[in-house]
Amino acid sequence: MKLYRILAVWCFMLFATAGVQQAQAQATETESSVTVVAEPEVEMADTLRQDGKIYVVVVVLLTVLVGMIVYLISLDRKVSRLEKQVRE
């Protein structure tokens, strides 16, 4: 059960930081109309986006993340089952 709480808190923090980053991006957009904000160019990301390979990278990262979460959940269930057996 603790694992679910940890995962829930982690997901909440992930979405909260994504929301803060989005709000900062919108604030930068409104400020950019008044002042010019120089953003660093990321050459690799632009190349991946142009070639359409960025989606492959995203899919691989999501697959690894989902696999790790599924493994942790199954491991937590096994440990819980063993703890119950030890108590009996």
PDB file of N, CA and C in Angstrom:
ATOM      1  N   MET A   1       0.818  -1.195   0.000  1.00  0.00           N
ATOM      2  CA  MET A   1       0.000   0.000   0.000  1.00  0.00           C
ATOM      3  C   MET A   1       0.862   1.259   0.000  1.00  0.00           C
ATOM      4  N   LYS A   2       2.018   1.168   0.634  1.00  0.00           N
ATOM      5  CA  LYS A   2       2.891   2.330   0.676  1.00  0.00           C
ATOM      6  C   LYS A   2       3.371   2.710  -0.716  1.00  0.00           C
ATOM      7  N   LEU A   3       3.585   1.706  -1.563  1.00  0.00           N
ATOM      8  CA  LEU A   3       4.052   1.974  -2.913  1.00  0.00           C
ATOM      9  C   LEU A   3       3.038   2.802  -3.691  1.00  0.00           C
ATOM     10  N   TYR A   4       1.747   2.488  -3.518  1.00  0.00           N
ATOM     11  CA  TYR A   4       0.718   3.260  -4.204  1.00  0.00           C
ATOM     12  C   TYR A   4       0.721   4.712  -3.748  1.00  0.00           C
ATOM     13  N   ARG A   5       0.937   4.928  -2.470  1.00  0.00           N
ATOM     14  CA  ARG A   5       0.999   6.295  -1.959  1.00  0.00           C
ATOM     15  C   ARG A   5       2.206   7.026  -2.522  1.00  0.00           C
ATOM     16  N   ILE A   6       3.331   6.336  -2.576  1.00  0.00           N
ATOM     17  CA  ILE A   6       4.541   6.963  -3.124  1.00  0.00           C
ATOM     18  C   ILE A   6       4.347   7.293  -4.593  1.00  0.00           C
ATOM     19  N   LEU A   7       3.774   6.370  -5.353  1.00  0.00           N
ATOM     20  CA  LEU A   7       3.515   6.619  -6.771  1.00  0.00           C
ATOM     21  C   LEU A   7       2.516   7.759  -6.962  1.00  0.00           C
ATOM     22  N   ALA A   8       1.494   7.821  -6.116  1.00  0.00           N
ATOM     23  CA  ALA A   8       0.508   8.889  -6.219  1.00  0.00           C
ATOM     24  C   ALA A   8       1.154  10.245  -5.939  1.00  0.00           C
ATOM     25  N   VAL A   9       1.978  10.311  -4.908  1.00  0.00           N
ATOM     26  CA  VAL A   9       2.661  11.566  -4.583  1.00  0.00           C
ATOM     27  C   VAL A   9       3.614  11.943  -5.706  1.00  0.00           C
ATOM     28  N   TRP A  10       4.329  10.967  -6.244  1.00  0.00           N
ATOM     29  CA  TRP A  10       5.268  11.242  -7.326  1.00  0.00           C
ATOM     30  C   TRP A  10       4.543  11.766  -8.564  1.00  0.00           C
ATOM     31  N   CYS A  11       3.420  11.142  -8.919  1.00  0.00           N
ATOM     32  CA  CYS A  11       2.634  11.606 -10.069  1.00  0.00           C
ATOM     33  C   CYS A  11       2.080  13.008  -9.826  1.00  0.00           C
ATOM     34  N   PHE A  12       1.612  13.252  -8.610  1.00  0.00           N
ATOM     35  CA  PHE A  12       1.100  14.575  -8.286  1.00  0.00           C
ATOM     36  C   PHE A  12       2.195  15.624  -8.436  1.00  0.00           C
ATOM     37  N   MET A  13       3.387  15.317  -7.946  1.00  0.00           N
ATOM     38  CA  MET A  13       4.495  16.267  -8.056  1.00  0.00           C
ATOM     39  C   MET A  13       4.888  16.470  -9.508  1.00  0.00           C
ATOM     40  N   LEU A  14       4.848  15.402 -10.309  1.00  0.00           N
ATOM     41  CA  LEU A  14       5.182  15.504 -11.717  1.00  0.00           C
ATOM     42  C   LEU A  14       4.205  16.418 -12.444  1.00  0.00           C
ATOM     43  N   PHE A  15       2.903  16.225 -12.202  1.00  0.00           N
ATOM     44  CA  PHE A  15       1.904  17.059 -12.859  1.00  0.00           C
ATOM     45  C   PHE A  15       1.928  18.489 -12.322  1.00  0.00           C
ATOM     46  N   ALA A  16       2.238  18.655 -11.045  1.00  0.00           N
ATOM     47  CA  ALA A  16       2.316  19.996 -10.473  1.00  0.00           C
ATOM     48  C   ALA A  16       3.471  20.781 -11.093  1.00  0.00           C
ATOM     49  N   THR A  17       4.618  20.130 -11.247  1.00  0.00           N
ATOM     50  CA  THR A  17       5.756  20.827 -11.850  1.00  0.00           C
ATOM     51  C   THR A  17       5.497  21.113 -13.321  1.00  0.00           C
ATOM     52  N   ALA A  18       4.782  20.206 -13.998  1.00  0.00           N
ATOM     53  CA  ALA A  18       4.435  20.454 -15.396  1.00  0.00           C
ATOM     54  C   ALA A  18       3.503  21.666 -15.496  1.00  0.00           C
ATOM     55  N   GLY A  19       2.581  21.781 -14.553  1.00  0.00           N
ATOM     56  CA  GLY A  19       1.682  22.936 -14.542  1.00  0.00           C
ATOM     57  C   GLY A  19       2.419  24.233 -14.273  1.00  0.00           C
ATOM     58  N   VAL A  20       3.389  24.190 -13.381  1.00  0.00           N
ATOM     59  CA  VAL A  20       4.187  25.385 -13.081  1.00  0.00           C
ATOM     60  C   VAL A  20       5.011  25.779 -14.300  1.00  0.00           C
ATOM     61  N   GLN A  21       5.601  24.804 -14.968  1.00  0.00           N
ATOM     62  CA  GLN A  21       6.382  25.095 -16.166  1.00  0.00           C
ATOM     63  C   GLN A  21       5.505  25.684 -17.262  1.00  0.00           C
ATOM     64  N   GLN A  22       4.289  25.176 -17.387  1.00  0.00           N
ATOM     65  CA  GLN A  22       3.382  25.705 -18.395  1.00  0.00           C
ATOM     66  C   GLN A  22       2.994  27.140 -18.058  1.00  0.00           C
ATOM     67  N   ALA A  23       2.752  27.411 -16.774  1.00  0.00           N
ATOM     68  CA  ALA A  23       2.410  28.770 -16.361  1.00  0.00           C
ATOM     69  C   ALA A  23       3.579  29.714 -16.608  1.00  0.00           C
ATOM     70  N   GLN A  24       4.791  29.250 -16.358  1.00  0.00           N
ATOM     71  CA  GLN A  24       5.962  30.083 -16.618  1.00  0.00           C
ATOM     72  C   GLN A  24       6.129  30.334 -18.107  1.00  0.00           C
ATOM     73  N   ALA A  25       5.832  29.335 -18.928  1.00  0.00           N
ATOM     74  CA  ALA A  25       5.931  29.506 -20.370  1.00  0.00           C
ATOM     75  C   ALA A  25       4.911  30.526 -20.864  1.00  0.00           C
ATOM     76  N   GLN A  26       3.699  30.483 -20.295  1.00  0.00           N
ATOM     77  CA  GLN A  26       2.686  31.455 -20.691  1.00  0.00           C
ATOM     78  C   GLN A  26       3.076  32.853 -20.233  1.00  0.00           C
ATOM     79  N   ALA A  27       3.684  32.953 -19.035  1.00  0.00           N
ATOM     80  CA  ALA A  27       4.131  34.247 -18.552  1.00  0.00           C
ATOM     81  C   ALA A  27       5.243  34.785 -19.434  1.00  0.00           C
ATOM     82  N   THR A  28       6.126  33.922 -19.895  1.00  0.00           N
ATOM     83  CA  THR A  28       7.205  34.337 -20.785  1.00  0.00           C
ATOM     84  C   THR A  28       6.639  34.810 -22.113  1.00  0.00           C
ATOM     85  N   GLU A  29       5.577  34.135 -22.599  1.00  0.00           N
ATOM     86  CA  GLU A  29       4.953  34.547 -23.854  1.00  0.00           C
ATOM     87  C   GLU A  29       4.341  35.933 -23.731  1.00  0.00           C
ATOM     88  N   THR A  30       3.706  36.220 -22.600  1.00  0.00           N
ATOM     89  CA  THR A  30       3.117  37.544 -22.441  1.00  0.00           C
ATOM     90  C   THR A  30       4.198  38.603 -22.274  1.00  0.00           C
ATOM     91  N   GLU A  31       5.304  38.245 -21.621  1.00  0.00           N
ATOM     92  CA  GLU A  31       6.403  39.191 -21.473  1.00  0.00           C
ATOM     93  C   GLU A  31       7.165  39.362 -22.771  1.00  0.00           C
ATOM     94  N   SER A  32       7.159  38.342 -23.623  1.00  0.00           N
ATOM     95  CA  SER A  32       7.934  38.419 -24.858  1.00  0.00           C
ATOM     96  C   SER A  32       7.348  39.449 -25.814  1.00  0.00           C
ATOM     97  N   SER A  33       6.079  39.785 -25.667  1.00  0.00           N
ATOM     98  CA  SER A  33       5.517  40.820 -26.512  1.00  0.00           C
ATOM     99  C   SER A  33       6.075  42.184 -26.143  1.00  0.00           C
ATOM    100  N   VAL A  34       6.501  42.335 -24.903  1.00  0.00           N
ATOM    101  CA  VAL A  34       7.072  43.597 -24.456  1.00  0.00           C
ATOM    102  C   VAL A  34       8.588  43.599 -24.628  1.00  0.00           C
ATOM    103  N   THR A  35       9.234  42.526 -24.222  1.00  0.00           N
ATOM    104  CA  THR A  35      10.680  42.422 -24.331  1.00  0.00           C
ATOM    105  C   THR A  35      11.041  41.148 -25.071  1.00  0.00           C
ATOM    106  N   VAL A  36      12.179  41.157 -25.676  1.00  0.00           N
ATOM    107  CA  VAL A  36      12.645  39.991 -26.409  1.00  0.00           C
ATOM    108  C   VAL A  36      13.412  39.095 -25.446  1.00  0.00           C
ATOM    109  N   VAL A  37      12.965  37.850 -25.325  1.00  0.00           N
ATOM    110  CA  VAL A  37      13.615  36.886 -24.448  1.00  0.00           C
ATOM    111  C   VAL A  37      14.383  35.912 -25.331  1.00  0.00           C
ATOM    112  N   ALA A  38      15.688  35.866 -25.163  1.00  0.00           N
ATOM    113  CA  ALA A  38      16.515  34.969 -25.967  1.00  0.00           C
ATOM    114  C   ALA A  38      16.486  33.581 -25.359  1.00  0.00           C
ATOM    115  N   GLU A  39      16.029  32.611 -26.139  1.00  0.00           N
ATOM    116  CA  GLU A  39      15.983  31.235 -25.670  1.00  0.00           C
ATOM    117  C   GLU A  39      17.097  30.457 -26.354  1.00  0.00           C
ATOM    118  N   PRO A  40      17.787  29.614 -25.605  1.00  0.00           N
ATOM    119  CA  PRO A  40      18.852  28.832 -26.228  1.00  0.00           C
ATOM    120  C   PRO A  40      18.282  27.823 -27.213  1.00  0.00           C
ATOM    121  N   GLU A  41      18.977  27.642 -28.315  1.00  0.00           N
ATOM    122  CA  GLU A  41      18.529  26.689 -29.317  1.00  0.00           C
ATOM    123  C   GLU A  41      19.075  25.307 -28.979  1.00  0.00           C
ATOM    124  N   VAL A  42      18.198  24.330 -29.029  1.00  0.00           N
ATOM    125  CA  VAL A  42      18.610  22.958 -28.797  1.00  0.00           C
ATOM    126  C   VAL A  42      18.592  22.260 -30.141  1.00  0.00           C
ATOM    127  N   GLU A  43      19.774  22.079 -30.682  1.00  0.00           N
ATOM    128  CA  GLU A  43      19.908  21.561 -32.036  1.00  0.00           C
ATOM    129  C   GLU A  43      19.402  20.126 -32.168  1.00  0.00           C
ATOM    130  N   MET A  44      19.722  19.294 -31.187  1.00  0.00           N
ATOM    131  CA  MET A  44      19.344  17.887 -31.265  1.00  0.00           C
ATOM    132  C   MET A  44      17.821  17.726 -31.239  1.00  0.00           C
ATOM    133  N   ALA A  45      17.164  18.476 -30.361  1.00  0.00           N
ATOM    134  CA  ALA A  45      15.707  18.377 -30.260  1.00  0.00           C
ATOM    135  C   ALA A  45      15.045  18.844 -31.552  1.00  0.00           C
ATOM    136  N   ASP A  46      15.578  19.895 -32.141  1.00  0.00           N
ATOM    137  CA  ASP A  46      15.013  20.376 -33.407  1.00  0.00           C
ATOM    138  C   ASP A  46      15.173  19.346 -34.507  1.00  0.00           C
ATOM    139  N   THR A  47      16.336  18.712 -34.546  1.00  0.00           N
ATOM    140  CA  THR A  47      16.578  17.693 -35.569  1.00  0.00           C
ATOM    141  C   THR A  47      15.645  16.507 -35.381  1.00  0.00           C
ATOM    142  N   LEU A  48      15.481  16.060 -34.126  1.00  0.00           N
ATOM    143  CA  LEU A  48      14.585  14.933 -33.861  1.00  0.00           C
ATOM    144  C   LEU A  48      13.147  15.281 -34.216  1.00  0.00           C
ATOM    145  N   ARG A  49      12.754  16.519 -33.923  1.00  0.00           N
ATOM    146  CA  ARG A  49      11.397  16.945 -34.230  1.00  0.00           C
ATOM    147  C   ARG A  49      11.164  16.984 -35.736  1.00  0.00           C
ATOM    148  N   GLN A  50      12.145  17.500 -36.475  1.00  0.00           N
ATOM    149  CA  GLN A  50      12.001  17.593 -37.926  1.00  0.00           C
ATOM    150  C   GLN A  50      11.913  16.214 -38.576  1.00  0.00           C
ATOM    151  N   ASP A  51      12.693  15.281 -38.059  1.00  0.00           N
ATOM    152  CA  ASP A  51      12.697  13.926 -38.624  1.00  0.00           C
ATOM    153  C   ASP A  51      11.529  13.081 -38.132  1.00  0.00           C
ATOM    154  N   GLY A  52      10.825  13.548 -37.116  1.00  0.00           N
ATOM    155  CA  GLY A  52       9.717  12.790 -36.558  1.00  0.00           C
ATOM    156  C   GLY A  52      10.167  11.708 -35.594  1.00  0.00           C
ATOM    157  N   LYS A  53      11.433  11.715 -35.230  1.00  0.00           N
ATOM    158  CA  LYS A  53      11.962  10.682 -34.337  1.00  0.00           C
ATOM    159  C   LYS A  53      11.734  11.018 -32.869  1.00  0.00           C
ATOM    160  N   ILE A  54      11.308  12.235 -32.588  1.00  0.00           N
ATOM    161  CA  ILE A  54      11.060  12.627 -31.194  1.00  0.00           C
ATOM    162  C   ILE A  54       9.958  11.754 -30.607  1.00  0.00           C
ATOM    163  N   TYR A  55       9.016  11.335 -31.446  1.00  0.00           N
ATOM    164  CA  TYR A  55       7.926  10.492 -30.968  1.00  0.00           C
ATOM    165  C   TYR A  55       8.441   9.110 -30.571  1.00  0.00           C
ATOM    166  N   VAL A  56       9.444   8.624 -31.289  1.00  0.00           N
ATOM    167  CA  VAL A  56      10.052   7.344 -30.941  1.00  0.00           C
ATOM    168  C   VAL A  56      10.716   7.450 -29.571  1.00  0.00           C
ATOM    169  N   VAL A  57      11.410   8.555 -29.338  1.00  0.00           N
ATOM    170  CA  VAL A  57      12.078   8.770 -28.057  1.00  0.00           C
ATOM    171  C   VAL A  57      11.050   8.823 -26.930  1.00  0.00           C
ATOM    172  N   VAL A  58       9.961   9.534 -27.147  1.00  0.00           N
ATOM    173  CA  VAL A  58       8.912   9.656 -26.134  1.00  0.00           C
ATOM    174  C   VAL A  58       8.285   8.291 -25.854  1.00  0.00           C
ATOM    175  N   VAL A  59       8.010   7.515 -26.887  1.00  0.00           N
ATOM    176  CA  VAL A  59       7.401   6.193 -26.710  1.00  0.00           C
ATOM    177  C   VAL A  59       8.342   5.267 -25.939  1.00  0.00           C
ATOM    178  N   VAL A  60       9.626   5.305 -26.255  1.00  0.00           N
ATOM    179  CA  VAL A  60      10.586   4.452 -25.553  1.00  0.00           C
ATOM    180  C   VAL A  60      10.672   4.846 -24.085  1.00  0.00           C
ATOM    181  N   LEU A  61      10.732   6.149 -23.802  1.00  0.00           N
ATOM    182  CA  LEU A  61      10.794   6.608 -22.413  1.00  0.00           C
ATOM    183  C   LEU A  61       9.540   6.218 -21.640  1.00  0.00           C
ATOM    184  N   LEU A  62       8.379   6.388 -22.254  1.00  0.00           N
ATOM    185  CA  LEU A  62       7.132   6.000 -21.587  1.00  0.00           C
ATOM    186  C   LEU A  62       7.061   4.495 -21.359  1.00  0.00           C
ATOM    187  N   THR A  63       7.552   3.715 -22.318  1.00  0.00           N
ATOM    188  CA  THR A  63       7.553   2.262 -22.166  1.00  0.00           C
ATOM    189  C   THR A  63       8.435   1.839 -20.999  1.00  0.00           C
ATOM    190  N   VAL A  64       9.608   2.441 -20.905  1.00  0.00           N
ATOM    191  CA  VAL A  64      10.510   2.118 -19.796  1.00  0.00           C
ATOM    192  C   VAL A  64       9.885   2.527 -18.468  1.00  0.00           C
ATOM    193  N   LEU A  65       9.284   3.711 -18.415  1.00  0.00           N
ATOM    194  CA  LEU A  65       8.665   4.192 -17.182  1.00  0.00           C
ATOM    195  C   LEU A  65       7.503   3.302 -16.758  1.00  0.00           C
ATOM    196  N   VAL A  66       6.647   2.939 -17.698  1.00  0.00           N
ATOM    197  CA  VAL A  66       5.508   2.073 -17.383  1.00  0.00           C
ATOM    198  C   VAL A  66       5.998   0.696 -16.954  1.00  0.00           C
ATOM    199  N   GLY A  67       7.026   0.178 -17.611  1.00  0.00           N
ATOM    200  CA  GLY A  67       7.592  -1.107 -17.222  1.00  0.00           C
ATOM    201  C   GLY A  67       8.140  -1.089 -15.808  1.00  0.00           C
ATOM    202  N   MET A  68       8.818  -0.015 -15.451  1.00  0.00           N
ATOM    203  CA  MET A  68       9.346   0.099 -14.089  1.00  0.00           C
ATOM    204  C   MET A  68       8.227   0.173 -13.061  1.00  0.00           C
ATOM    205  N   ILE A  69       7.179   0.897 -13.371  1.00  0.00           N
ATOM    206  CA  ILE A  69       6.056   1.017 -12.437  1.00  0.00           C
ATOM    207  C   ILE A  69       5.355  -0.327 -12.269  1.00  0.00           C
ATOM    208  N   VAL A  70       5.138  -1.040 -13.367  1.00  0.00           N
ATOM    209  CA  VAL A  70       4.497  -2.355 -13.288  1.00  0.00           C
ATOM    210  C   VAL A  70       5.370  -3.315 -12.481  1.00  0.00           C
ATOM    211  N   TYR A  71       6.677  -3.274 -12.696  1.00  0.00           N
ATOM    212  CA  TYR A  71       7.581  -4.137 -11.947  1.00  0.00           C
ATOM    213  C   TYR A  71       7.533  -3.816 -10.454  1.00  0.00           C
ATOM    214  N   LEU A  72       7.537  -2.532 -10.114  1.00  0.00           N
ATOM    215  CA  LEU A  72       7.484  -2.138  -8.704  1.00  0.00           C
ATOM    216  C   LEU A  72       6.174  -2.585  -8.046  1.00  0.00           C
ATOM    217  N   ILE A  73       5.072  -2.470  -8.771  1.00  0.00           N
ATOM    218  CA  ILE A  73       3.787  -2.893  -8.217  1.00  0.00           C
ATOM    219  C   ILE A  73       3.773  -4.400  -7.996  1.00  0.00           C
ATOM    220  N   SER A  74       4.268  -5.162  -8.977  1.00  0.00           N
ATOM    221  CA  SER A  74       4.287  -6.619  -8.804  1.00  0.00           C
ATOM    222  C   SER A  74       5.234  -7.028  -7.676  1.00  0.00           C
ATOM    223  N   LEU A  75       6.350  -6.341  -7.556  1.00  0.00           N
ATOM    224  CA  LEU A  75       7.291  -6.630  -6.472  1.00  0.00           C
ATOM    225  C   LEU A  75       6.672  -6.308  -5.114  1.00  0.00           C
ATOM    226  N   ASP A  76       5.927  -5.209  -5.048  1.00  0.00           N
ATOM    227  CA  ASP A  76       5.256  -4.828  -3.807  1.00  0.00           C
ATOM    228  C   ASP A  76       4.217  -5.881  -3.411  1.00  0.00           C
ATOM    229  N   ARG A  77       3.485  -6.405  -4.382  1.00  0.00           N
ATOM    230  CA  ARG A  77       2.494  -7.444  -4.085  1.00  0.00           C
ATOM    231  C   ARG A  77       3.163  -8.711  -3.572  1.00  0.00           C
ATOM    232  N   LYS A  78       4.283  -9.091  -4.183  1.00  0.00           N
ATOM    233  CA  LYS A  78       4.993 -10.291  -3.740  1.00  0.00           C
ATOM    234  C   LYS A  78       5.516 -10.123  -2.317  1.00  0.00           C
ATOM    235  N   VAL A  79       6.079  -8.957  -2.032  1.00  0.00           N
ATOM    236  CA  VAL A  79       6.602  -8.700  -0.688  1.00  0.00           C
ATOM    237  C   VAL A  79       5.468  -8.697   0.325  1.00  0.00           C
ATOM    238  N   SER A  80       4.336  -8.098  -0.021  1.00  0.00           N
ATOM    239  CA  SER A  80       3.176  -8.092   0.883  1.00  0.00           C
ATOM    240  C   SER A  80       2.695  -9.516   1.163  1.00  0.00           C
ATOM    241  N   ARG A  81       2.659 -10.348   0.122  1.00  0.00           N
ATOM    242  CA  ARG A  81       2.247 -11.734   0.288  1.00  0.00           C
ATOM    243  C   ARG A  81       3.212 -12.482   1.211  1.00  0.00           C
ATOM    244  N   LEU A  82       4.511 -12.258   1.043  1.00  0.00           N
ATOM    245  CA  LEU A  82       5.501 -12.904   1.907  1.00  0.00           C
ATOM    246  C   LEU A  82       5.406 -12.404   3.344  1.00  0.00           C
ATOM    247  N   GLU A  83       5.118 -11.115   3.522  1.00  0.00           N
ATOM    248  CA  GLU A  83       4.953 -10.576   4.877  1.00  0.00           C
ATOM    249  C   GLU A  83       3.761 -11.223   5.576  1.00  0.00           C
ATOM    250  N   LYS A  84       2.682 -11.434   4.829  1.00  0.00           N
ATOM    251  CA  LYS A  84       1.502 -12.100   5.412  1.00  0.00           C
ATOM    252  C   LYS A  84       1.828 -13.526   5.815  1.00  0.00           C
ATOM    253  N   GLN A  85       2.600 -14.229   4.992  1.00  0.00           N
ATOM    254  CA  GLN A  85       2.972 -15.608   5.302  1.00  0.00           C
ATOM    255  C   GLN A  85       3.864 -15.668   6.543  1.00  0.00           C
ATOM    256  N   VAL A  86       4.731 -14.701   6.733  1.00  0.00           N
ATOM    257  CA  VAL A  86       5.638 -14.685   7.885  1.00  0.00           C
ATOM    258  C   VAL A  86       4.845 -14.415   9.154  1.00  0.00           C
ATOM    259  N   ARG A  87       3.824 -13.569   9.076  1.00  0.00           N
ATOM    260  CA  ARG A  87       3.011 -13.245  10.253  1.00  0.00           C
ATOM    261  C   ARG A  87       2.207 -14.441  10.732  1.00  0.00           C
ATOM    262  N   GLU A  88       1.796 -15.308   9.804  1.00  0.00           N
ATOM    263  CA  GLU A  88       0.944 -16.448  10.166  1.00  0.00           C
ATOM    264  C   GLU A  88       1.684 -17.542  10.827  1.00  0.00           C
TER     265      GLU A  88
END
